[in-house]
C-alpha cells in the first residue's frame, strides 16, 4: 500500500516541492485535463473521500513520477495506482503481502547457477480492466527499467545485482542475482518495486530507445493494480475510484482538490468541503488557530518521519575542525531549545528517530546523547579543553557565571581573529522554528567568541547554496539549517545518500573509512539483526564526527473530519500523510 511513496527514499523538506536527494523538481505544471472514465473502475457514490492538496501533480505518467518527478504530490495521487509484491504496515514498519502470496519474503537460495529468489504470487489483485497481475508484469517492468536506463526510484527498486528476472509461471517470479542480496536489494528493493501493466505499456514502449521518450508518453491509458484507479484529472480536481480488482476497498471514490495555499485548504476542511489536508509539513500554527473549535474536526499529532539538522561545510575552517563542532554540540542545550521552541518535538542526538521503534536502540542512543546533557560546568569544561587543544585562546575565556554561560572575549585561533561565520536558514514565512533555532545557535557560537551572521532567505536559495558548488568546485556556505524526510521506515536507507563519500546528497564533504565500513556491512546485511548493529555503528561514528549536528525530530499535526471518517491507526510514524491519506485503514463514519 505504501510502496508508491517509500521507494523515493529521501526527501528534502520543502514548502511543497519535495524530491529525493536535494533539489526540488518542477511544480505547478499540471498536465492537461484527461478523461479516464473509459476504464472499468466504477465510481460508487456511496462514499467520497475528499482530500485537499497544496499543489497539483506534475505528470500523469507513473514511469516519469518514479524516475524524474518523485514529488510528494505525485506520490499522493499516483502512488495508490500501482501494486508491489509487498507493502508496509504503518503500525509495525514491517512488510506485508500485497501481490505476494505470503507475508514472509522467501530467503535467497544458492544453486549451481548462483543466487536465486523465487516468489509465489497470490490471486487477490487484478488490474482495473480485469486482467490479472502476473509474474510477466514484474518481468516487463524490470526489463523496461534496464533497457531504457531508468534512474531515480526505478534504479533503487531494481539494483544492479539483479542479473535477470523470469516468469516461471504466471504466479511464480524468479530473480537471479550476481551475489547474495542484502536487505536493501531483497526484499526492500525488489519487494517494494511498483509493478506496471505489461498489456497496456508493452505496445507503447516496444520501439522506445530512452527514458525521455518513455516519460513523454501520456499516462491517460494506464490502468491501476493498486487500490485506486484515476478516473479524471484536471489542474484543480482529480478523481480516483476504487479498483474493482483490489481486495477489500475501504472507500469507493477519492476526490483530490488542489488549493492555492494552506489557508484555503484549512478553510475548506473547517467548512466540511474536504475531509483532510495532505501536506508533508503538517498544519501550521496559524492553521491550527484557524480551525479553533471547528465542529466535526479532530486534530492529531504524530511523530514525523523526518529530522532537522545543522549542516557543516567540512572543507572550510573552522567547521572542518572537530573541536569546533563538538564544542557547539556540548554548549547548545538541544533539550532546552526544543522544549522552548517546539515543545511537541523531540530533541535529536541521532539521525534515526526513536519513533521508528523497529530500528531504534535505546541503549546505543542514550550513550550517544549522554555527553551533551547534564551538568553545564562539565560541558563547558569539556568544550574549552577541546578548543584549547585546537589552538583557541581568549582574552577572557567562556565561563559559567551564576549558572549561565558568560561569553568569551578576544577569541583567536592559532593567533588570528576568526572571520565572521554565516548560517543559512529559511525564514519565518516558511517555518518560524528554523530562524528561531538559528538564533539560539548564533548565541551559542557567540559564547565561544565568534561573530555569527544568520542569513535568512527563502528555502530554494538555502537548498541551492547548500547542495551546489561554485565554478572552482568550492562549497558555498559555512553552515545551514534544513531538514530531511527519511524515506521507508521499514529499512532506513538514507545513510549512504547523506554521508557516503560518494553520496549524491552528501553536502558537507564528509568522508570517513570507518563510517564507510559500517555502511558496507549495513548494505550487505542479509539479516535484520546484523543490519541493525551496523546502523548503530554508523550512528555512533556520525555522533563522533558530527558532519551534521542533528537538532530535533519534529511532529506532524493533521486535521480530519471525524464526523465523516475514522482511521484504524493513530499517531504512527509519518501520520496520515505518510500513508497516502490513510487509504488502507480509513473507514466512513455512519
Protein backbone atom coordinates (compact mmCIF):
# COMPACT_ATOMS: atom_id res chain seq x y z
CA UNK A 1 0.00 0.00 0.00
CA UNK A 2 2.82 2.40 0.81
CA UNK A 3 5.27 1.21 -1.81
CA UNK A 4 4.45 4.05 -4.18
CA UNK A 5 5.77 6.63 -1.74
CA UNK A 6 8.55 4.90 0.15
CA UNK A 7 10.63 3.85 -2.85
CA UNK A 8 11.60 7.52 -3.12
CA UNK A 9 13.85 7.16 -0.12
CA UNK A 10 14.83 10.67 0.83
CA UNK A 11 13.03 13.98 0.64
CA UNK A 12 14.41 17.41 1.43
CA UNK A 13 11.72 19.16 3.42
CA UNK A 14 10.28 22.00 1.41
CA UNK A 15 7.09 24.06 1.28
CA UNK A 16 5.51 21.91 -1.39
CA UNK A 17 8.44 20.95 -3.58
CA UNK A 18 9.81 17.73 -2.16
CA UNK A 19 12.05 15.47 -4.18
CA UNK A 20 14.62 12.84 -3.34
CA UNK A 21 18.16 13.97 -2.57
CA UNK A 22 18.46 17.67 -2.51
CA UNK A 23 16.74 19.93 -5.00
CA UNK A 24 13.05 20.28 -5.73
CA UNK A 25 11.54 19.26 -9.01
CA UNK A 26 9.26 21.49 -11.11
CA UNK A 27 5.89 22.30 -9.61
CA UNK A 28 2.75 23.99 -10.82
CA UNK A 29 3.00 22.41 -14.28
CA UNK A 30 0.00 20.14 -14.21
CA UNK A 31 -0.80 18.01 -17.24
CA UNK A 32 -3.72 18.97 -19.42
CA UNK A 33 -7.04 17.55 -18.19
CA UNK A 34 -7.55 13.97 -19.28
CA UNK A 35 -10.54 11.69 -19.18
CA UNK A 36 -10.05 8.14 -18.00
CA UNK A 37 -13.70 7.29 -17.50
CA UNK A 38 -13.43 4.59 -20.15
CA UNK A 39 -11.66 2.28 -17.68
CA UNK A 40 -13.62 -0.35 -15.83
CA UNK A 41 -13.24 1.40 -12.46
CA UNK A 42 -16.79 2.28 -11.46
CA UNK A 43 -17.48 5.25 -9.21
CA UNK A 44 -19.69 4.11 -6.35
CA UNK A 45 -21.43 7.19 -4.99
CA UNK A 46 -21.89 5.55 -1.57
CA UNK A 47 -18.85 7.35 -0.11
CA UNK A 48 -16.50 10.01 -1.40
CA UNK A 49 -13.24 10.65 0.49
CA UNK A 50 -12.40 14.32 -0.07
CA UNK A 51 -8.70 15.19 0.11
CA UNK A 52 -7.09 18.61 -0.08
CA UNK A 53 -3.66 19.11 -1.68
CA UNK A 54 -1.46 22.21 -1.70
CA UNK A 55 -0.07 21.57 -5.18
CA UNK A 56 -1.09 19.60 -8.23
CA UNK A 57 0.72 16.72 -9.83
CA UNK A 58 3.42 17.39 -12.39
CA UNK A 59 2.88 14.29 -14.55
CA UNK A 60 0.21 11.71 -15.28
CA UNK A 61 2.86 9.17 -16.31
CA UNK A 62 3.75 6.82 -13.45
CA UNK A 63 7.05 5.93 -15.14
CA UNK A 64 8.10 9.59 -15.05
CA UNK A 65 6.87 10.06 -11.48
CA UNK A 66 9.16 7.29 -10.24
CA UNK A 67 12.06 8.32 -12.45
CA UNK A 68 12.29 12.10 -12.77
CA UNK A 69 9.27 13.55 -10.91
CA UNK A 70 9.12 11.94 -7.45
CA UNK A 71 7.31 14.86 -5.80
CA UNK A 72 5.20 14.22 -2.74
CA UNK A 73 2.11 15.44 -4.61
CA UNK A 74 2.67 12.91 -7.39
CA UNK A 75 3.11 10.24 -4.71
CA UNK A 76 -0.19 11.11 -3.03
CA UNK A 77 -2.15 10.72 -6.26
CA UNK A 78 -0.18 8.23 -8.37
CA UNK A 79 1.26 6.10 -5.57
CA UNK A 80 -2.03 4.25 -4.86
CA UNK A 81 -2.40 3.19 -8.50
CA UNK A 82 0.34 0.56 -8.60
CA UNK A 83 0.84 -2.62 -6.58
CA UNK A 84 4.06 -4.20 -5.36
CA UNK A 85 4.96 -7.61 -4.04
CA UNK A 86 4.80 -6.16 -0.53
CA UNK A 87 3.51 -3.12 1.27
CA UNK A 88 4.45 -1.68 4.66
CA UNK A 89 2.34 -2.00 7.78
CA UNK A 90 2.34 1.55 9.25
CA UNK A 91 1.88 0.28 12.81
CA UNK A 92 4.91 -2.02 12.82
CA UNK A 93 7.00 -0.86 9.81
CA UNK A 94 7.17 -4.47 8.65
CA UNK A 95 6.46 -5.87 5.21
CA UNK A 96 3.02 -7.27 4.49
CA UNK A 97 1.95 -9.12 1.32
CA UNK A 98 0.25 -7.25 -1.50
CA UNK A 99 0.79 -9.23 -4.72
CA UNK A 100 2.97 -11.86 -3.00
CA UNK A 101 1.11 -14.90 -1.69
CA UNK A 102 2.61 -14.99 1.80
CA UNK A 103 3.71 -12.49 4.42
CA UNK A 104 7.26 -13.80 4.89
CA UNK A 105 9.54 -12.93 1.96
CA UNK A 106 11.33 -16.12 0.85
CA UNK A 107 15.01 -16.35 1.66
CA UNK A 108 17.54 -16.24 -1.19
CA UNK A 109 18.93 -19.65 -2.11
CA UNK A 110 22.13 -20.78 -3.80
CA UNK A 111 22.34 -23.31 -6.60
CA UNK A 112 24.96 -24.16 -9.20
CA UNK A 113 23.86 -21.15 -11.27
CA UNK A 114 24.07 -18.57 -8.49
CA UNK A 115 21.80 -16.78 -6.03
CA UNK A 116 18.05 -17.01 -6.63
CA UNK A 117 14.84 -15.75 -5.10
CA UNK A 118 11.54 -17.38 -6.05
CA UNK A 119 8.31 -15.66 -5.09
CA UNK A 120 4.82 -17.09 -5.39
CA UNK A 121 2.09 -14.61 -6.24
CA UNK A 122 -1.42 -14.61 -4.84
CA UNK A 123 -4.56 -14.21 -6.90
CA UNK A 124 -6.24 -11.41 -4.94
CA UNK A 125 -5.04 -8.44 -7.04
CA UNK A 126 -6.08 -7.64 -10.61
CA UNK A 127 -5.65 -4.66 -12.88
CA UNK A 128 -8.63 -2.32 -13.06
CA UNK A 129 -9.57 -3.63 -16.52
CA UNK A 130 -9.94 -7.16 -15.16
CA UNK A 131 -6.60 -8.59 -16.29
CA UNK A 132 -4.70 -10.46 -13.54
CA UNK A 133 -1.45 -9.13 -12.15
CA UNK A 134 1.12 -11.74 -13.19
CA UNK A 135 4.79 -12.53 -12.89
CA UNK A 136 5.05 -11.37 -16.51
CA UNK A 137 4.12 -7.84 -15.42
CA UNK A 138 7.01 -7.82 -12.95
CA UNK A 139 9.44 -9.09 -15.58
CA UNK A 140 8.22 -6.48 -18.07
CA UNK A 141 8.66 -3.69 -15.51
CA UNK A 142 12.21 -4.77 -14.68
CA UNK A 143 13.25 -5.25 -18.31
CA UNK A 144 11.88 -1.84 -19.30
CA UNK A 145 13.76 -0.18 -16.45
CA UNK A 146 17.02 -1.82 -17.53
CA UNK A 147 16.55 -1.49 -21.29
CA UNK A 148 15.76 2.23 -21.14
CA UNK A 149 18.18 3.02 -18.31
CA UNK A 150 15.58 4.46 -15.96
CA UNK A 151 17.00 6.15 -12.90
CA UNK A 152 15.63 7.62 -9.69
CA UNK A 153 13.29 5.36 -7.77
CA UNK A 154 13.39 2.76 -10.55
CA UNK A 155 17.12 2.26 -10.15
CA UNK A 156 16.71 1.92 -6.38
CA UNK A 157 13.92 -0.63 -6.80
CA UNK A 158 15.85 -2.76 -9.30
CA UNK A 159 19.52 -2.55 -8.23
CA UNK A 160 22.49 -3.65 -10.29
CA UNK A 161 22.83 -7.02 -8.51
CA UNK A 162 19.86 -8.33 -10.49
CA UNK A 163 21.09 -10.34 -13.46
CA UNK A 164 17.72 -11.49 -14.72
CA UNK A 165 14.08 -11.78 -13.75
CA UNK A 166 11.99 -14.56 -15.25
CA UNK A 167 8.36 -15.66 -15.04
CA UNK A 168 8.47 -19.40 -14.41
CA UNK A 169 4.67 -19.37 -14.43
CA UNK A 170 2.06 -16.63 -14.27
CA UNK A 171 2.25 -16.89 -10.49
CA UNK A 172 5.95 -17.56 -9.92
CA UNK A 173 8.70 -14.99 -10.37
CA UNK A 174 12.40 -15.94 -10.29
CA UNK A 175 15.03 -13.32 -9.55
CA UNK A 176 18.63 -14.18 -10.47
CA UNK A 177 21.34 -12.23 -8.67
CA UNK A 178 25.07 -11.80 -9.07
CA UNK A 179 25.67 -12.09 -5.32
CA UNK A 180 23.85 -12.83 -2.13
CA UNK A 181 21.47 -9.87 -1.83
CA UNK A 182 21.48 -7.55 1.15
CA UNK A 183 18.17 -6.50 2.63
CA UNK A 184 18.18 -3.32 0.56
CA UNK A 185 18.04 -5.41 -2.60
CA UNK A 186 15.78 -8.17 -1.31
CA UNK A 187 13.18 -7.73 -0.06
CA UNK A 188 13.26 -3.94 0.49
CA UNK A 189 14.21 -3.04 -3.08
CA UNK A 190 12.60 -5.56 -5.41
CA UNK A 191 9.81 -6.35 -2.96
CA UNK A 192 8.63 -2.71 -2.84
CA UNK A 193 9.10 -2.01 -6.56
CA UNK A 194 5.93 -0.80 -8.29
CA UNK A 195 4.56 -3.19 -10.91
CA UNK A 196 3.41 -1.85 -14.30
CA UNK A 197 0.74 -3.47 -16.51
CA UNK A 198 2.56 -5.11 -19.42
CA UNK A 199 -0.58 -5.49 -21.53
CA UNK A 200 -1.05 -1.71 -21.50
CA UNK A 201 2.51 -0.44 -21.78
CA UNK A 202 4.38 -3.05 -23.80
CA UNK A 203 2.87 -1.98 -27.15
CA UNK A 204 3.73 1.64 -26.31
CA UNK A 205 7.31 1.02 -25.23
CA UNK A 206 8.49 -1.66 -27.68
CA UNK A 207 10.13 0.84 -30.04
CA UNK A 208 11.38 3.36 -27.49
CA UNK A 209 15.10 3.97 -27.07
CA UNK A 210 15.47 6.01 -23.89
CA UNK A 211 13.86 7.26 -20.73
CA UNK A 212 12.96 10.65 -22.21
CA UNK A 213 10.77 9.04 -24.85
CA UNK A 214 9.00 6.98 -22.20
CA UNK A 215 8.44 9.93 -19.90
CA UNK A 216 6.98 11.94 -22.78
CA UNK A 217 4.08 9.48 -23.12
CA UNK A 218 0.67 10.40 -21.73
CA UNK A 219 -0.49 8.39 -18.73
CA UNK A 220 -4.14 8.54 -19.77
CA UNK A 221 -4.28 4.92 -20.93
CA UNK A 222 -2.65 3.49 -17.81
CA UNK A 223 -4.62 1.16 -15.55
CA UNK A 224 -4.34 0.59 -11.84
CA UNK A 225 -3.35 -2.50 -9.92
CA UNK A 226 -3.39 -0.65 -6.61
CA UNK A 227 -6.39 0.35 -4.53
CA UNK A 228 -7.26 3.38 -6.67
CA UNK A 229 -7.76 3.98 -10.40
CA UNK A 230 -7.60 7.57 -11.68
CA UNK A 231 -10.88 8.41 -13.40
CA UNK A 232 -10.36 12.06 -14.37
CA UNK A 233 -7.57 14.55 -13.99
CA UNK A 234 -7.61 18.32 -14.10
CA UNK A 235 -5.46 21.10 -12.74
CA UNK A 236 -7.60 21.68 -9.65
CA UNK A 237 -9.52 18.41 -9.28
CA UNK A 238 -8.50 14.77 -9.66
CA UNK A 239 -10.94 11.91 -9.20
CA UNK A 240 -9.98 8.34 -8.38
CA UNK A 241 -12.22 5.35 -7.87
CA UNK A 242 -11.71 2.02 -6.14
CA UNK A 243 -10.01 -0.54 -8.35
CA UNK A 244 -12.51 -3.43 -8.55
CA UNK A 245 -9.57 -5.81 -8.77
CA UNK A 246 -8.09 -4.76 -5.43
CA UNK A 247 -9.35 -6.66 -2.38
CA UNK A 248 -11.40 -5.07 0.39
CA UNK A 249 -11.53 -1.43 -0.70
CA UNK A 250 -12.23 0.86 2.24
CA UNK A 251 -13.68 3.63 0.11
CA UNK A 252 -15.28 3.87 -3.30
CA UNK A 253 -14.08 7.26 -4.52
CA UNK A 254 -11.35 9.78 -3.68
CA UNK A 255 -11.54 13.36 -4.89
CA UNK A 256 -8.31 15.38 -4.66
CA UNK A 257 -8.81 19.15 -4.70
CA UNK A 258 -5.82 21.43 -5.23
CA UNK A 259 -5.89 24.63 -3.18
CA UNK A 260 -3.92 27.81 -3.72
CA UNK A 261 -2.48 27.73 -0.20
CA UNK A 262 -2.82 26.12 3.20
CA UNK A 263 -5.26 28.75 4.47
CA UNK A 264 -7.72 27.96 1.68
CA UNK A 265 -7.42 24.21 2.31
CA UNK A 266 -7.93 24.62 6.06
CA UNK A 267 -10.98 26.81 5.43
CA UNK A 268 -12.42 24.04 3.24
CA UNK A 269 -11.74 21.49 5.99
CA UNK A 270 -13.45 23.67 8.57
CA UNK A 271 -16.45 24.19 6.27
CA UNK A 272 -16.92 20.45 5.62
CA UNK A 273 -15.85 20.71 1.97
CA UNK A 274 -12.95 18.25 2.35
CA UNK A 275 -12.10 15.52 4.86
CA UNK A 276 -8.36 16.14 5.35
CA UNK A 277 -5.38 18.06 4.01
CA UNK A 278 -2.30 16.17 2.83
CA UNK A 279 0.82 18.21 3.47
CA UNK A 280 4.23 16.74 4.30
CA UNK A 281 4.85 19.56 6.76
CA UNK A 282 1.51 19.15 8.52
CA UNK A 283 -0.60 22.08 9.67
CA UNK A 284 0.99 25.35 10.73
CA UNK A 285 0.21 27.12 13.99
CA UNK A 286 -1.87 29.62 12.02
CA UNK A 287 -3.92 26.77 10.57
CA UNK A 288 -4.46 25.24 13.99
CA UNK A 289 -5.70 28.60 15.26
CA UNK A 290 -7.98 28.96 12.23
CA UNK A 291 -9.53 25.55 12.91
CA UNK A 292 -10.15 26.55 16.51
CA UNK A 293 -13.11 24.57 17.76
CA UNK A 294 -14.42 23.70 14.29
CA UNK A 295 -17.24 21.22 14.74
CA UNK A 296 -16.54 17.74 13.41
CA UNK A 297 -12.77 18.28 13.02
CA UNK A 298 -10.24 16.26 15.00
CA UNK A 299 -6.59 17.32 15.23
CA UNK A 300 -3.91 14.69 15.83
CA UNK A 301 -0.18 14.89 16.42
CA UNK A 302 2.10 12.15 15.15
CA UNK A 303 5.87 11.77 15.02
CA UNK A 304 7.08 12.92 11.62
CA UNK A 305 9.42 10.61 9.75
CA UNK A 306 11.99 13.38 9.49
CA UNK A 307 14.87 15.21 11.15
CA UNK A 308 16.07 18.82 11.31
CA UNK A 309 19.81 19.41 11.38
CA UNK A 310 22.65 21.90 11.12
CA UNK A 311 24.99 21.04 8.26
CA UNK A 312 28.70 21.96 8.43
CA UNK A 313 30.96 22.76 5.50
CA UNK A 314 33.76 20.35 6.37
CA UNK A 315 36.01 21.80 3.67
CA UNK A 316 36.21 25.23 5.33
CA UNK A 317 37.70 26.26 8.69
CA UNK A 318 36.68 26.35 11.47
CA UNK A 319 33.80 23.98 10.56
CA UNK A 320 36.42 21.47 9.40
CA UNK A 321 37.82 21.30 12.95
CA UNK A 322 36.17 18.56 15.10
CA UNK A 323 36.76 20.70 18.20
CA UNK A 324 34.56 23.46 16.76
CA UNK A 325 31.71 21.06 16.01
CA UNK A 326 31.96 19.25 19.34
CA UNK A 327 32.11 22.45 21.37
CA UNK A 328 28.92 23.68 19.70
CA UNK A 329 27.24 20.31 20.37
CA UNK A 330 28.29 20.48 24.04
CA UNK A 331 27.21 24.07 24.63
CA UNK A 332 23.93 24.06 22.67
CA UNK A 333 21.29 22.65 25.02
CA UNK A 334 19.14 20.81 22.49
CA UNK A 335 16.70 19.62 25.17
CA UNK A 336 16.08 23.17 26.37
CA UNK A 337 15.87 24.73 22.91
CA UNK A 338 13.44 22.09 21.68
CA UNK A 339 11.27 22.39 24.79
CA UNK A 340 11.21 26.18 24.42
CA UNK A 341 10.61 26.46 20.69
CA UNK A 342 8.96 23.15 19.78
CA UNK A 343 7.51 21.52 22.90
CA UNK A 344 5.81 18.77 20.90
CA UNK A 345 9.00 17.79 19.06
CA UNK A 346 11.77 15.51 20.34
CA UNK A 347 15.37 16.70 20.74
CA UNK A 348 17.62 14.69 18.44
CA UNK A 349 21.02 13.16 19.01
CA UNK A 350 20.75 10.53 16.27
CA UNK A 351 19.50 10.78 12.71
CA UNK A 352 17.13 7.89 13.33
CA UNK A 353 14.02 8.83 15.28
CA UNK A 354 13.02 7.00 18.45
CA UNK A 355 9.55 6.75 16.89
CA UNK A 356 10.95 4.16 14.48
CA UNK A 357 10.74 1.50 17.18
CA UNK A 358 11.67 -1.33 14.81
CA UNK A 359 15.18 0.06 14.28
CA UNK A 360 15.76 2.24 17.34
CA UNK A 361 18.17 1.04 20.05
CA UNK A 362 17.60 2.86 23.32
CA UNK A 363 20.90 1.84 24.93
CA UNK A 364 23.01 2.98 21.96
CA UNK A 365 21.03 6.21 21.61
CA UNK A 366 21.42 7.01 25.31
CA UNK A 367 25.19 6.53 25.13
CA UNK A 368 25.35 8.92 22.18
CA UNK A 369 23.24 11.59 23.92
CA UNK A 370 24.88 11.32 27.36
CA UNK A 371 27.85 13.72 26.78
CA UNK A 372 25.52 16.53 25.67
CA UNK A 373 23.24 16.61 28.70
CA UNK A 374 23.55 17.14 32.40
CA UNK A 375 25.93 19.42 34.26
CA UNK A 376 26.67 22.70 32.46
CA UNK A 377 30.00 23.20 34.20
CA UNK A 378 31.22 19.84 32.95
CA UNK A 379 30.07 20.52 29.38
CA UNK A 380 31.74 23.94 29.32
CA UNK A 381 34.95 22.50 30.70
CA UNK A 382 34.95 19.74 28.06
CA UNK A 383 34.29 22.26 25.28
CA UNK A 384 37.02 24.67 26.42
CA UNK A 385 39.51 21.84 26.78
CA UNK A 386 38.85 20.67 23.22
CA UNK A 387 39.10 24.20 21.82
CA UNK A 388 42.34 24.99 23.66
CA UNK A 389 43.81 21.80 22.27
CA UNK A 390 42.86 23.03 18.79
CA UNK A 391 44.69 26.36 19.21
CA UNK A 392 41.91 28.57 20.58
CA UNK A 393 42.83 31.36 23.01
CA UNK A 394 40.82 34.18 24.60
CA UNK A 395 41.50 37.38 26.43
CA UNK A 396 38.63 36.24 28.67
CA UNK A 397 37.55 32.60 28.23
CA UNK A 398 33.91 31.49 28.22
CA UNK A 399 32.71 30.50 31.67
CA UNK A 400 29.66 29.62 33.74
CA UNK A 401 28.60 32.59 35.87
CA UNK A 402 25.65 32.24 38.25
CA UNK A 403 24.50 29.13 36.39
CA UNK A 404 24.53 30.75 32.94
CA UNK A 405 27.01 30.92 30.07
CA UNK A 406 29.18 34.04 30.01
CA UNK A 407 30.70 34.69 26.56
CA UNK A 408 34.39 34.67 25.86
CA UNK A 409 36.14 37.83 24.68
CA UNK A 410 39.05 38.32 22.31
CA UNK A 411 38.95 34.92 20.57
CA UNK A 412 41.93 33.95 18.45
CA UNK A 413 42.61 30.68 16.62
CA UNK A 414 46.30 29.97 16.19
CA UNK A 415 46.90 33.62 16.98
CA UNK A 416 44.44 35.06 14.46
CA UNK A 417 40.97 36.51 14.96
CA UNK A 418 38.42 34.32 13.12
CA UNK A 419 36.36 35.64 10.25
CA UNK A 420 32.60 36.10 10.75
CA UNK A 421 30.51 32.95 10.24
CA UNK A 422 27.19 32.60 8.41
CA UNK A 423 24.26 30.24 8.92
CA UNK A 424 21.78 29.82 6.08
CA UNK A 425 18.17 29.23 7.08
CA UNK A 426 14.69 29.55 5.59
CA UNK A 427 12.66 32.41 7.04
CA UNK A 428 9.56 32.84 9.19
CA UNK A 429 7.16 32.56 6.29
CA UNK A 430 8.34 29.01 5.70
CA UNK A 431 8.92 27.67 9.21
CA UNK A 432 9.24 30.07 12.17
CA UNK A 433 11.07 27.47 14.25
CA UNK A 434 14.07 27.42 11.95
CA UNK A 435 15.19 31.06 12.20
CA UNK A 436 14.38 30.95 15.93
CA UNK A 437 16.58 27.87 16.35
CA UNK A 438 19.27 29.53 14.25
CA UNK A 439 19.25 32.46 16.70
CA UNK A 440 19.95 30.05 19.55
CA UNK A 441 22.84 28.51 17.59
CA UNK A 442 24.12 32.04 16.90
CA UNK A 443 24.04 32.86 20.61
CA UNK A 444 25.91 29.67 21.48
CA UNK A 445 28.68 30.36 18.98
CA UNK A 446 28.92 33.93 20.25
CA UNK A 447 29.59 32.48 23.71
CA UNK A 448 32.70 30.87 22.23
CA UNK A 449 33.63 34.26 20.77
CA UNK A 450 32.57 34.07 17.13
CA UNK A 451 30.85 36.81 15.16
CA UNK A 452 27.87 34.95 13.66
CA UNK A 453 25.61 36.36 10.96
CA UNK A 454 22.45 34.35 10.13
CA UNK A 455 21.36 34.61 6.52
CA UNK A 456 17.59 34.28 6.49
CA UNK A 457 16.33 33.66 2.97
CA UNK A 458 13.89 31.53 1.02
CA UNK A 459 14.01 27.74 1.12
CA UNK A 460 15.14 27.29 -2.50
CA UNK A 461 18.10 29.62 -2.03
CA UNK A 462 19.26 27.69 1.04
CA UNK A 463 19.00 24.42 -0.89
CA UNK A 464 20.78 25.80 -3.96
CA UNK A 465 23.70 27.12 -1.92
CA UNK A 466 23.97 24.07 0.34
CA UNK A 467 23.86 21.49 -2.44
CA UNK A 468 25.92 23.08 -5.19
CA UNK A 469 29.49 24.22 -5.72
CA UNK A 470 30.93 27.31 -7.34
CA UNK A 471 32.92 27.36 -10.57
CA UNK A 472 36.08 26.39 -8.69
CA UNK A 473 34.38 23.41 -7.04
CA UNK A 474 34.13 25.03 -3.59
CA UNK A 475 31.14 24.65 -1.31
CA UNK A 476 29.24 27.91 -0.87
CA UNK A 477 28.31 28.08 2.81
CA UNK A 478 29.62 27.87 6.36
CA UNK A 479 26.59 26.23 7.98
CA UNK A 480 22.95 25.73 7.05
CA UNK A 481 19.77 24.57 8.78
CA UNK A 482 17.45 22.27 6.84
CA UNK A 483 15.59 19.01 7.26
CA UNK A 484 15.04 15.65 5.60
CA UNK A 485 12.15 13.28 5.48
CA UNK A 486 13.60 9.85 5.85
CA UNK A 487 12.03 7.51 3.30
CA UNK A 488 10.99 3.97 4.08
CA UNK A 489 10.71 3.33 7.83
CA UNK A 490 10.84 -0.40 7.13
CA UNK A 491 14.55 -0.17 6.28
CA UNK A 492 16.29 3.20 6.71
CA UNK A 493 18.26 3.70 3.52
CA UNK A 494 19.46 7.28 3.72
CA UNK A 495 22.86 6.84 5.37
CA UNK A 496 24.77 6.25 2.15
CA UNK A 497 22.93 9.06 0.36
CA UNK A 498 23.68 11.62 3.04
CA UNK A 499 27.04 10.54 4.42
CA UNK A 500 28.65 8.13 1.97
CA UNK A 501 31.84 9.51 0.44
CA UNK A 502 30.11 9.49 -2.96
CA UNK A 503 26.58 10.02 -1.62
CA UNK A 504 24.50 12.15 -4.02
CA UNK A 505 23.15 14.19 -1.08
CA UNK A 506 26.46 14.47 0.79
CA UNK A 507 26.54 18.26 1.04
CA UNK A 508 29.17 18.52 3.78
CA UNK A 509 32.16 16.82 2.18
CA UNK A 510 32.11 14.10 4.85
CA UNK A 511 34.30 11.05 4.33
CA UNK A 512 35.36 8.52 6.94
CA UNK A 513 36.54 4.96 6.16
CA UNK A 514 35.17 3.75 9.49
CA UNK A 515 31.72 5.02 8.59
CA UNK A 516 32.15 3.51 5.12
CA UNK A 517 32.92 0.10 6.66
CA UNK A 518 29.75 0.24 8.78
CA UNK A 519 27.79 1.36 5.71
CA UNK A 520 29.11 -1.57 3.68
CA UNK A 521 28.12 -4.01 6.43
CA UNK A 522 24.69 -2.41 6.57
CA UNK A 523 24.13 -2.60 2.83
CA UNK A 524 25.42 -6.18 2.64
CA UNK A 525 23.49 -7.43 5.67
CA UNK A 526 21.08 -10.28 4.97
CA UNK A 527 19.62 -10.42 8.48
CA UNK A 528 17.81 -7.60 10.30
CA UNK A 529 19.87 -8.02 13.48
CA UNK A 530 23.13 -7.65 11.55
CA UNK A 531 21.77 -4.62 9.72
CA UNK A 532 20.62 -3.01 12.96
CA UNK A 533 24.05 -3.46 14.55
CA UNK A 534 25.70 -1.86 11.50
CA UNK A 535 23.18 1.00 11.56
CA UNK A 536 24.11 1.85 15.12
CA UNK A 537 27.77 1.61 14.18
CA UNK A 538 27.03 4.35 11.63
CA UNK A 539 25.11 6.43 14.17
CA UNK A 540 27.93 6.19 16.70
CA UNK A 541 30.51 7.25 14.10
CA UNK A 542 28.35 10.17 12.98
CA UNK A 543 27.93 11.26 16.60
CA UNK A 544 31.72 11.30 16.99
CA UNK A 545 32.39 13.08 13.68
CA UNK A 546 29.36 15.42 13.56
CA UNK A 547 29.08 16.21 9.84
CA UNK A 548 25.56 17.15 10.91
CA UNK A 549 24.51 18.44 14.29
CA UNK A 550 21.07 16.83 14.43
CA UNK A 551 18.70 19.12 16.30
CA UNK A 552 15.21 17.67 16.65
CA UNK A 553 12.69 15.23 15.28
CA UNK A 554 9.52 17.21 14.56
CA UNK A 555 5.97 16.07 14.95
CA UNK A 556 3.31 16.45 12.30
CA UNK A 557 -0.09 17.97 13.07
CA UNK A 558 -3.03 16.92 10.91
CA UNK A 559 -6.75 17.54 10.92
CA UNK A 560 -9.56 15.43 9.57
CA UNK A 561 -13.36 15.33 9.58
CA UNK A 562 -14.01 12.80 12.31
CA UNK A 563 -17.72 13.20 11.68
CA UNK A 564 -17.17 11.57 8.26
CA UNK A 565 -14.06 9.34 8.52
CA UNK A 566 -12.14 7.40 11.13
CA UNK A 567 -8.76 5.68 10.99
CA UNK A 568 -7.57 2.38 12.37
CA UNK A 569 -4.10 3.78 13.10
CA UNK A 570 -3.34 6.85 15.16
CA UNK A 571 -0.15 8.76 15.97
CA UNK A 572 2.06 6.43 13.93
CA UNK A 573 5.32 7.50 12.31
CA UNK A 574 4.52 9.83 9.42
CA UNK A 575 0.89 10.37 10.35
CA UNK A 576 -1.97 10.30 7.85
CA UNK A 577 0.02 11.83 5.00
CA UNK A 578 2.81 9.30 5.50
CA UNK A 579 0.41 6.55 4.48
CA UNK A 580 -1.05 8.39 1.47
CA UNK A 581 -4.09 9.69 3.30
CA UNK A 582 -4.74 6.59 5.36
CA UNK A 583 -6.38 4.80 2.44
CA UNK A 584 -5.72 1.35 3.88
CA UNK A 585 -7.08 1.98 7.37
CA UNK A 586 -9.83 4.53 6.68
CA UNK A 587 -13.50 3.83 7.31
CA UNK A 588 -16.54 6.01 6.66
CA UNK A 589 -18.46 7.13 9.74
CA UNK A 590 -22.15 6.32 9.86
